[in-house]
Amino acid sequence: MNRLLHLDRTLDELDPPRWTAPPADATHLMRKVHRLRCVPLGELRPADLRTLVSQRVALPYVLPLAVRLLLDQPLLDAYFYEGDLLLAAVGVPSSAWAMLPELAARLRTVIMNLSDAAIAGLPRGAAGQLTAFVAGPGSSG
């Protein structure tokens, strides 16, 4: 998790090239992601991490921060609903997790320890997403 050593730096500093300003007709989400790239990593909130993970922005830096939260509180309600950060994390491409195998393994363990009742309380399709992530790359789903 050496990427966590850079909590005082921004994604624009760590994940070149720096992004230019969003276009004048940019959506709210585009403007938000551009703004979040200028926030020091240590100041990103759970909702910010959910946004960045969902948009697949600088995953080598963002996923370790998200997993750090999920190890303590796997069903964290980052913004929309209980477990939204977890589902965003397990939804990223397996290639991103291939760069962070230890974190993926730790998150798989956390998911395997979730109760059936906790999983049943997640949105429709979540159980399948979690099962596919635990099964690892190459699984269907």
N, C-alpha and C. Protein backbone atom coordinates (compact mmCIF):
# COMPACT_ATOMS: atom_id res chain seq x y z
N MET A 1 0.83 -1.19 0.00
CA MET A 1 0.00 0.00 0.00
C MET A 1 0.87 1.25 0.00
N ASN A 2 2.01 1.22 -0.66
CA ASN A 2 2.91 2.36 -0.66
C ASN A 2 2.29 3.60 -1.31
N ARG A 3 1.23 3.43 -2.07
CA ARG A 3 0.56 4.58 -2.66
C ARG A 3 -0.10 5.44 -1.59
N LEU A 4 -0.31 4.90 -0.40
CA LEU A 4 -0.90 5.67 0.68
C LEU A 4 0.10 6.63 1.30
N LEU A 5 1.36 6.53 0.93
CA LEU A 5 2.37 7.43 1.47
C LEU A 5 2.24 8.82 0.87
N HIS A 6 1.45 8.98 -0.13
CA HIS A 6 1.33 10.25 -0.84
C HIS A 6 0.02 10.96 -0.53
N LEU A 7 -0.44 10.86 0.69
CA LEU A 7 -1.75 11.42 1.05
C LEU A 7 -1.80 12.94 0.95
N ASP A 8 -0.64 13.58 0.92
CA ASP A 8 -0.60 15.04 0.80
C ASP A 8 -0.57 15.51 -0.65
N ARG A 9 -0.54 14.58 -1.58
CA ARG A 9 -0.46 14.93 -2.99
C ARG A 9 -1.79 14.66 -3.69
N THR A 10 -1.96 15.26 -4.85
CA THR A 10 -3.20 15.11 -5.61
C THR A 10 -3.03 14.09 -6.73
N LEU A 11 -4.16 13.66 -7.28
CA LEU A 11 -4.10 12.75 -8.43
C LEU A 11 -3.46 13.43 -9.64
N ASP A 12 -3.69 14.72 -9.78
CA ASP A 12 -3.04 15.43 -10.89
C ASP A 12 -1.51 15.37 -10.75
N GLU A 13 -1.01 15.35 -9.53
CA GLU A 13 0.43 15.24 -9.31
C GLU A 13 0.94 13.82 -9.50
N LEU A 14 0.15 12.85 -9.04
CA LEU A 14 0.59 11.46 -9.01
C LEU A 14 0.27 10.67 -10.28
N ASP A 15 -0.74 11.10 -11.00
CA ASP A 15 -1.24 10.34 -12.14
C ASP A 15 -1.19 11.21 -13.40
N PRO A 16 0.02 11.45 -13.92
CA PRO A 16 0.14 12.33 -15.09
C PRO A 16 -0.52 11.72 -16.32
N PRO A 17 -0.83 12.54 -17.28
CA PRO A 17 -0.62 13.99 -17.28
C PRO A 17 -1.73 14.70 -16.49
N ARG A 18 -1.41 15.92 -16.04
CA ARG A 18 -2.44 16.73 -15.38
C ARG A 18 -3.58 16.94 -16.37
N TRP A 19 -4.77 16.92 -15.84
CA TRP A 19 -5.92 17.15 -16.70
C TRP A 19 -6.10 18.64 -16.93
N THR A 20 -6.50 18.98 -18.13
CA THR A 20 -6.84 20.37 -18.41
C THR A 20 -8.23 20.64 -17.85
N ALA A 21 -8.61 21.90 -17.80
CA ALA A 21 -9.93 22.26 -17.29
C ALA A 21 -11.01 21.58 -18.13
N PRO A 22 -12.12 21.21 -17.50
CA PRO A 22 -13.19 20.57 -18.28
C PRO A 22 -13.79 21.58 -19.27
N PRO A 23 -14.35 21.09 -20.35
CA PRO A 23 -14.96 22.00 -21.33
C PRO A 23 -16.15 22.75 -20.72
N ALA A 24 -16.51 23.84 -21.33
CA ALA A 24 -17.60 24.68 -20.82
C ALA A 24 -18.91 23.92 -20.73
N ASP A 25 -19.13 22.96 -21.62
CA ASP A 25 -20.38 22.21 -21.61
C ASP A 25 -20.28 20.89 -20.83
N ALA A 26 -19.28 20.77 -19.97
CA ALA A 26 -19.07 19.54 -19.20
C ALA A 26 -20.24 19.28 -18.26
N THR A 27 -20.52 18.00 -18.06
CA THR A 27 -21.58 17.63 -17.12
C THR A 27 -21.11 17.89 -15.69
N HIS A 28 -22.06 17.85 -14.77
CA HIS A 28 -21.73 18.01 -13.36
C HIS A 28 -20.72 16.95 -12.93
N LEU A 29 -20.92 15.71 -13.37
CA LEU A 29 -20.01 14.63 -13.01
C LEU A 29 -18.60 14.88 -13.55
N MET A 30 -18.50 15.33 -14.78
CA MET A 30 -17.18 15.63 -15.35
C MET A 30 -16.47 16.71 -14.54
N ARG A 31 -17.19 17.76 -14.20
CA ARG A 31 -16.59 18.84 -13.41
C ARG A 31 -16.17 18.34 -12.03
N LYS A 32 -16.99 17.47 -11.45
CA LYS A 32 -16.68 16.92 -10.13
C LYS A 32 -15.40 16.08 -10.17
N VAL A 33 -15.28 15.21 -11.15
CA VAL A 33 -14.09 14.36 -11.27
C VAL A 33 -12.85 15.21 -11.49
N HIS A 34 -12.95 16.21 -12.33
CA HIS A 34 -11.81 17.11 -12.54
C HIS A 34 -11.42 17.79 -11.23
N ARG A 35 -12.41 18.24 -10.47
CA ARG A 35 -12.14 18.92 -9.20
C ARG A 35 -11.48 17.95 -8.22
N LEU A 36 -11.96 16.70 -8.17
CA LEU A 36 -11.42 15.72 -7.22
C LEU A 36 -9.96 15.38 -7.52
N ARG A 37 -9.55 15.48 -8.77
CA ARG A 37 -8.14 15.22 -9.10
C ARG A 37 -7.21 16.27 -8.51
N CYS A 38 -7.76 17.38 -8.04
CA CYS A 38 -6.95 18.46 -7.46
C CYS A 38 -7.00 18.47 -5.94
N VAL A 39 -7.67 17.50 -5.35
CA VAL A 39 -7.78 17.40 -3.89
C VAL A 39 -6.69 16.45 -3.38
N PRO A 40 -5.96 16.81 -2.32
CA PRO A 40 -4.99 15.87 -1.75
C PRO A 40 -5.66 14.54 -1.39
N LEU A 41 -4.99 13.44 -1.65
CA LEU A 41 -5.58 12.12 -1.41
C LEU A 41 -6.12 11.98 0.01
N GLY A 42 -5.41 12.51 0.97
CA GLY A 42 -5.83 12.39 2.37
C GLY A 42 -7.10 13.14 2.70
N GLU A 43 -7.53 14.01 1.81
CA GLU A 43 -8.75 14.79 2.04
C GLU A 43 -9.96 14.24 1.29
N LEU A 44 -9.76 13.20 0.50
CA LEU A 44 -10.88 12.61 -0.23
C LEU A 44 -11.81 11.89 0.75
N ARG A 45 -13.08 12.17 0.64
CA ARG A 45 -14.10 11.55 1.49
C ARG A 45 -14.59 10.26 0.84
N PRO A 46 -15.32 9.43 1.59
CA PRO A 46 -15.85 8.20 0.99
C PRO A 46 -16.66 8.44 -0.27
N ALA A 47 -17.48 9.48 -0.29
CA ALA A 47 -18.27 9.77 -1.49
C ALA A 47 -17.37 10.13 -2.67
N ASP A 48 -16.29 10.84 -2.39
CA ASP A 48 -15.33 11.19 -3.44
C ASP A 48 -14.68 9.93 -4.00
N LEU A 49 -14.29 9.04 -3.11
CA LEU A 49 -13.67 7.80 -3.55
C LEU A 49 -14.63 6.96 -4.38
N ARG A 50 -15.89 6.92 -3.97
CA ARG A 50 -16.89 6.17 -4.74
C ARG A 50 -17.01 6.75 -6.14
N THR A 51 -17.01 8.07 -6.24
CA THR A 51 -17.09 8.70 -7.56
C THR A 51 -15.88 8.34 -8.41
N LEU A 52 -14.70 8.48 -7.86
CA LEU A 52 -13.48 8.21 -8.62
C LEU A 52 -13.37 6.74 -9.00
N VAL A 53 -13.71 5.85 -8.08
CA VAL A 53 -13.66 4.41 -8.40
C VAL A 53 -14.70 4.09 -9.47
N SER A 54 -15.90 4.60 -9.32
CA SER A 54 -16.96 4.33 -10.30
C SER A 54 -16.59 4.83 -11.69
N GLN A 55 -15.87 5.94 -11.74
CA GLN A 55 -15.45 6.51 -13.02
C GLN A 55 -14.10 5.95 -13.49
N ARG A 56 -13.52 5.06 -12.67
CA ARG A 56 -12.25 4.38 -13.01
C ARG A 56 -11.12 5.37 -13.24
N VAL A 57 -11.01 6.31 -12.34
CA VAL A 57 -9.99 7.36 -12.42
C VAL A 57 -8.85 7.02 -11.46
N ALA A 58 -7.63 6.93 -11.98
CA ALA A 58 -6.41 6.73 -11.18
C ALA A 58 -6.58 5.59 -10.18
N LEU A 59 -7.08 4.47 -10.64
CA LEU A 59 -7.36 3.34 -9.75
C LEU A 59 -6.17 2.87 -8.92
N PRO A 60 -4.94 2.88 -9.43
CA PRO A 60 -3.83 2.45 -8.57
C PRO A 60 -3.69 3.29 -7.30
N TYR A 61 -4.18 4.50 -7.32
CA TYR A 61 -4.11 5.38 -6.15
C TYR A 61 -5.41 5.39 -5.36
N VAL A 62 -6.52 5.27 -6.05
CA VAL A 62 -7.82 5.41 -5.41
C VAL A 62 -8.28 4.09 -4.75
N LEU A 63 -8.05 2.96 -5.42
CA LEU A 63 -8.49 1.69 -4.85
C LEU A 63 -7.88 1.41 -3.47
N PRO A 64 -6.58 1.65 -3.25
CA PRO A 64 -6.05 1.40 -1.90
C PRO A 64 -6.76 2.24 -0.83
N LEU A 65 -7.13 3.45 -1.17
CA LEU A 65 -7.85 4.29 -0.20
C LEU A 65 -9.24 3.73 0.06
N ALA A 66 -9.91 3.30 -0.98
CA ALA A 66 -11.24 2.71 -0.82
C ALA A 66 -11.18 1.43 0.00
N VAL A 67 -10.22 0.57 -0.32
CA VAL A 67 -10.11 -0.71 0.39
C VAL A 67 -9.79 -0.47 1.86
N ARG A 68 -8.97 0.52 2.14
CA ARG A 68 -8.66 0.84 3.54
C ARG A 68 -9.94 1.09 4.33
N LEU A 69 -10.90 1.78 3.74
CA LEU A 69 -12.19 2.02 4.39
C LEU A 69 -13.03 0.75 4.45
N LEU A 70 -13.02 0.00 3.36
CA LEU A 70 -13.86 -1.19 3.27
C LEU A 70 -13.42 -2.31 4.20
N LEU A 71 -12.14 -2.37 4.51
CA LEU A 71 -11.68 -3.41 5.44
C LEU A 71 -12.30 -3.23 6.82
N ASP A 72 -12.52 -1.98 7.21
CA ASP A 72 -13.13 -1.69 8.50
C ASP A 72 -14.65 -1.66 8.45
N GLN A 73 -15.18 -1.23 7.32
CA GLN A 73 -16.63 -1.06 7.19
C GLN A 73 -17.05 -1.43 5.77
N PRO A 74 -17.18 -2.74 5.49
CA PRO A 74 -17.41 -3.18 4.11
C PRO A 74 -18.71 -2.64 3.51
N LEU A 75 -19.72 -2.41 4.33
CA LEU A 75 -20.99 -1.94 3.79
C LEU A 75 -21.18 -0.44 3.99
N LEU A 76 -20.07 0.26 4.03
CA LEU A 76 -20.08 1.71 4.18
C LEU A 76 -21.03 2.35 3.17
N ASP A 77 -21.87 3.25 3.65
CA ASP A 77 -22.74 4.05 2.78
C ASP A 77 -21.96 5.30 2.43
N ALA A 78 -21.29 5.28 1.28
CA ALA A 78 -20.44 6.40 0.89
C ALA A 78 -21.26 7.58 0.40
N TYR A 79 -22.38 7.31 -0.25
CA TYR A 79 -23.17 8.41 -0.79
C TYR A 79 -24.60 8.00 -1.11
N PHE A 80 -24.78 6.91 -1.84
CA PHE A 80 -26.10 6.54 -2.32
C PHE A 80 -26.83 5.53 -1.45
N TYR A 81 -26.14 4.48 -1.03
CA TYR A 81 -26.79 3.42 -0.27
C TYR A 81 -25.71 2.58 0.43
N GLU A 82 -26.15 1.80 1.38
CA GLU A 82 -25.23 0.92 2.10
C GLU A 82 -24.56 -0.03 1.10
N GLY A 83 -23.23 -0.07 1.13
CA GLY A 83 -22.48 -0.95 0.24
C GLY A 83 -22.12 -0.34 -1.10
N ASP A 84 -22.42 0.94 -1.32
CA ASP A 84 -22.16 1.53 -2.63
C ASP A 84 -20.67 1.60 -2.96
N LEU A 85 -19.83 1.88 -1.99
CA LEU A 85 -18.38 1.91 -2.26
C LEU A 85 -17.86 0.51 -2.56
N LEU A 86 -18.35 -0.47 -1.82
CA LEU A 86 -17.94 -1.85 -2.06
C LEU A 86 -18.32 -2.30 -3.47
N LEU A 87 -19.53 -2.01 -3.88
CA LEU A 87 -19.97 -2.43 -5.21
C LEU A 87 -19.22 -1.67 -6.30
N ALA A 88 -18.88 -0.43 -6.05
CA ALA A 88 -18.06 0.30 -7.02
C ALA A 88 -16.68 -0.36 -7.13
N ALA A 89 -16.12 -0.75 -6.00
CA ALA A 89 -14.78 -1.35 -6.00
C ALA A 89 -14.76 -2.70 -6.71
N VAL A 90 -15.74 -3.54 -6.43
CA VAL A 90 -15.73 -4.86 -7.07
C VAL A 90 -16.11 -4.78 -8.54
N GLY A 91 -16.64 -3.63 -8.97
CA GLY A 91 -17.03 -3.46 -10.35
C GLY A 91 -15.94 -2.99 -11.29
N VAL A 92 -14.76 -2.66 -10.75
CA VAL A 92 -13.69 -2.20 -11.63
C VAL A 92 -13.08 -3.40 -12.36
N PRO A 93 -12.43 -3.16 -13.48
CA PRO A 93 -11.86 -4.27 -14.24
C PRO A 93 -10.83 -5.07 -13.44
N SER A 94 -10.76 -6.34 -13.73
CA SER A 94 -9.81 -7.21 -13.03
C SER A 94 -8.37 -6.76 -13.27
N SER A 95 -8.12 -6.07 -14.38
CA SER A 95 -6.77 -5.58 -14.65
C SER A 95 -6.32 -4.58 -13.59
N ALA A 96 -7.24 -3.80 -13.05
CA ALA A 96 -6.89 -2.86 -11.98
C ALA A 96 -6.51 -3.61 -10.72
N TRP A 97 -7.27 -4.66 -10.42
CA TRP A 97 -6.96 -5.46 -9.22
C TRP A 97 -5.68 -6.27 -9.41
N ALA A 98 -5.33 -6.60 -10.64
CA ALA A 98 -4.10 -7.36 -10.89
C ALA A 98 -2.87 -6.60 -10.42
N MET A 99 -2.97 -5.26 -10.41
CA MET A 99 -1.86 -4.44 -9.92
C MET A 99 -1.82 -4.38 -8.40
N LEU A 100 -2.90 -4.83 -7.75
CA LEU A 100 -3.03 -4.73 -6.29
C LEU A 100 -3.50 -6.07 -5.72
N PRO A 101 -2.77 -7.15 -5.98
CA PRO A 101 -3.26 -8.48 -5.60
C PRO A 101 -3.47 -8.67 -4.10
N GLU A 102 -2.62 -8.07 -3.27
CA GLU A 102 -2.78 -8.23 -1.82
C GLU A 102 -4.07 -7.57 -1.34
N LEU A 103 -4.35 -6.40 -1.88
CA LEU A 103 -5.58 -5.70 -1.50
C LEU A 103 -6.80 -6.47 -1.98
N ALA A 104 -6.73 -7.01 -3.19
CA ALA A 104 -7.85 -7.80 -3.71
C ALA A 104 -8.10 -9.00 -2.81
N ALA A 105 -7.04 -9.66 -2.38
CA ALA A 105 -7.19 -10.83 -1.51
C ALA A 105 -7.81 -10.44 -0.17
N ARG A 106 -7.38 -9.32 0.37
CA ARG A 106 -7.95 -8.86 1.65
C ARG A 106 -9.42 -8.50 1.50
N LEU A 107 -9.77 -7.87 0.38
CA LEU A 107 -11.17 -7.52 0.16
C LEU A 107 -12.01 -8.77 -0.07
N ARG A 108 -11.47 -9.76 -0.77
CA ARG A 108 -12.20 -11.03 -0.96
C ARG A 108 -12.51 -11.67 0.39
N THR A 109 -11.56 -11.64 1.31
CA THR A 109 -11.78 -12.22 2.64
C THR A 109 -12.90 -11.49 3.36
N VAL A 110 -12.89 -10.17 3.28
CA VAL A 110 -13.94 -9.38 3.92
C VAL A 110 -15.30 -9.74 3.33
N ILE A 111 -15.37 -9.85 2.02
CA ILE A 111 -16.64 -10.18 1.36
C ILE A 111 -17.12 -11.57 1.76
N MET A 112 -16.20 -12.53 1.82
CA MET A 112 -16.58 -13.90 2.20
C MET A 112 -17.12 -13.96 3.63
N ASN A 113 -16.74 -12.99 4.46
CA ASN A 113 -17.21 -12.97 5.85
C ASN A 113 -18.50 -12.18 6.05
N LEU A 114 -19.03 -11.60 4.98
CA LEU A 114 -20.31 -10.90 5.10
C LEU A 114 -21.42 -11.91 5.32
N SER A 115 -22.37 -11.55 6.15
CA SER A 115 -23.50 -12.45 6.39
C SER A 115 -24.45 -12.45 5.20
N ASP A 116 -25.21 -13.53 5.08
CA ASP A 116 -26.21 -13.61 4.02
C ASP A 116 -27.23 -12.48 4.16
N ALA A 117 -27.57 -12.15 5.39
CA ALA A 117 -28.54 -11.08 5.63
C ALA A 117 -28.00 -9.74 5.14
N ALA A 118 -26.72 -9.49 5.38
CA ALA A 118 -26.11 -8.24 4.93
C ALA A 118 -26.12 -8.16 3.41
N ILE A 119 -25.79 -9.24 2.76
CA ILE A 119 -25.77 -9.28 1.30
C ILE A 119 -27.18 -9.13 0.74
N ALA A 120 -28.15 -9.75 1.40
CA ALA A 120 -29.54 -9.66 0.95
C ALA A 120 -30.06 -8.23 1.02
N GLY A 121 -29.49 -7.40 1.89
CA GLY A 121 -29.92 -6.02 2.01
C GLY A 121 -29.34 -5.09 0.96
N LEU A 122 -28.47 -5.60 0.13
CA LEU A 122 -27.85 -4.79 -0.94
C LEU A 122 -28.77 -4.77 -2.16
N PRO A 123 -28.53 -3.85 -3.08
CA PRO A 123 -29.36 -3.76 -4.28
C PRO A 123 -29.35 -5.05 -5.09
N ARG A 124 -30.37 -5.19 -5.92
CA ARG A 124 -30.51 -6.35 -6.80
C ARG A 124 -29.24 -6.50 -7.65
N GLY A 125 -28.76 -7.70 -7.75
CA GLY A 125 -27.57 -7.99 -8.55
C GLY A 125 -26.26 -7.90 -7.77
N ALA A 126 -26.32 -7.33 -6.56
CA ALA A 126 -25.09 -7.15 -5.78
C ALA A 126 -24.47 -8.50 -5.40
N ALA A 127 -25.29 -9.46 -5.01
CA ALA A 127 -24.75 -10.76 -4.61
C ALA A 127 -23.96 -11.39 -5.74
N GLY A 128 -24.44 -11.27 -6.95
CA GLY A 128 -23.72 -11.80 -8.11
C GLY A 128 -22.41 -11.09 -8.35
N GLN A 129 -22.42 -9.76 -8.18
CA GLN A 129 -21.18 -9.00 -8.35
C GLN A 129 -20.15 -9.43 -7.31
N LEU A 130 -20.59 -9.59 -6.07
CA LEU A 130 -19.67 -9.98 -5.00
C LEU A 130 -19.14 -11.39 -5.23
N THR A 131 -20.01 -12.28 -5.66
CA THR A 131 -19.61 -13.67 -5.94
C THR A 131 -18.58 -13.70 -7.07
N ALA A 132 -18.81 -12.92 -8.12
CA ALA A 132 -17.87 -12.88 -9.24
C ALA A 132 -16.52 -12.34 -8.81
N PHE A 133 -16.52 -11.31 -7.96
CA PHE A 133 -15.26 -10.74 -7.49
C PHE A 133 -14.50 -11.76 -6.66
N VAL A 134 -15.20 -12.44 -5.75
CA VAL A 134 -14.56 -13.43 -4.90
C VAL A 134 -13.99 -14.58 -5.74
N ALA A 135 -14.72 -14.95 -6.79
CA ALA A 135 -14.26 -16.05 -7.66
C ALA A 135 -13.01 -15.66 -8.43
N GLY A 136 -12.82 -14.37 -8.65
CA GLY A 136 -11.60 -13.91 -9.30
C GLY A 136 -11.75 -13.76 -10.79
N PRO A 137 -10.67 -13.33 -11.45
CA PRO A 137 -10.69 -13.09 -12.90
C PRO A 137 -11.07 -14.34 -13.67
N GLY A 138 -11.78 -14.12 -14.75
CA GLY A 138 -12.16 -15.24 -15.60
C GLY A 138 -13.47 -15.87 -15.21
N SER A 139 -14.03 -15.45 -14.08
CA SER A 139 -15.34 -16.01 -13.70
C SER A 139 -16.42 -15.32 -14.50
N SER A 140 -17.51 -15.97 -14.67
CA SER A 140 -18.63 -15.35 -15.41
C SER A 140 -19.44 -14.49 -14.47
N GLY A 141 -20.07 -13.45 -15.04
CA GLY A 141 -20.94 -12.64 -14.23
C GLY A 141 -20.73 -11.22 -14.37
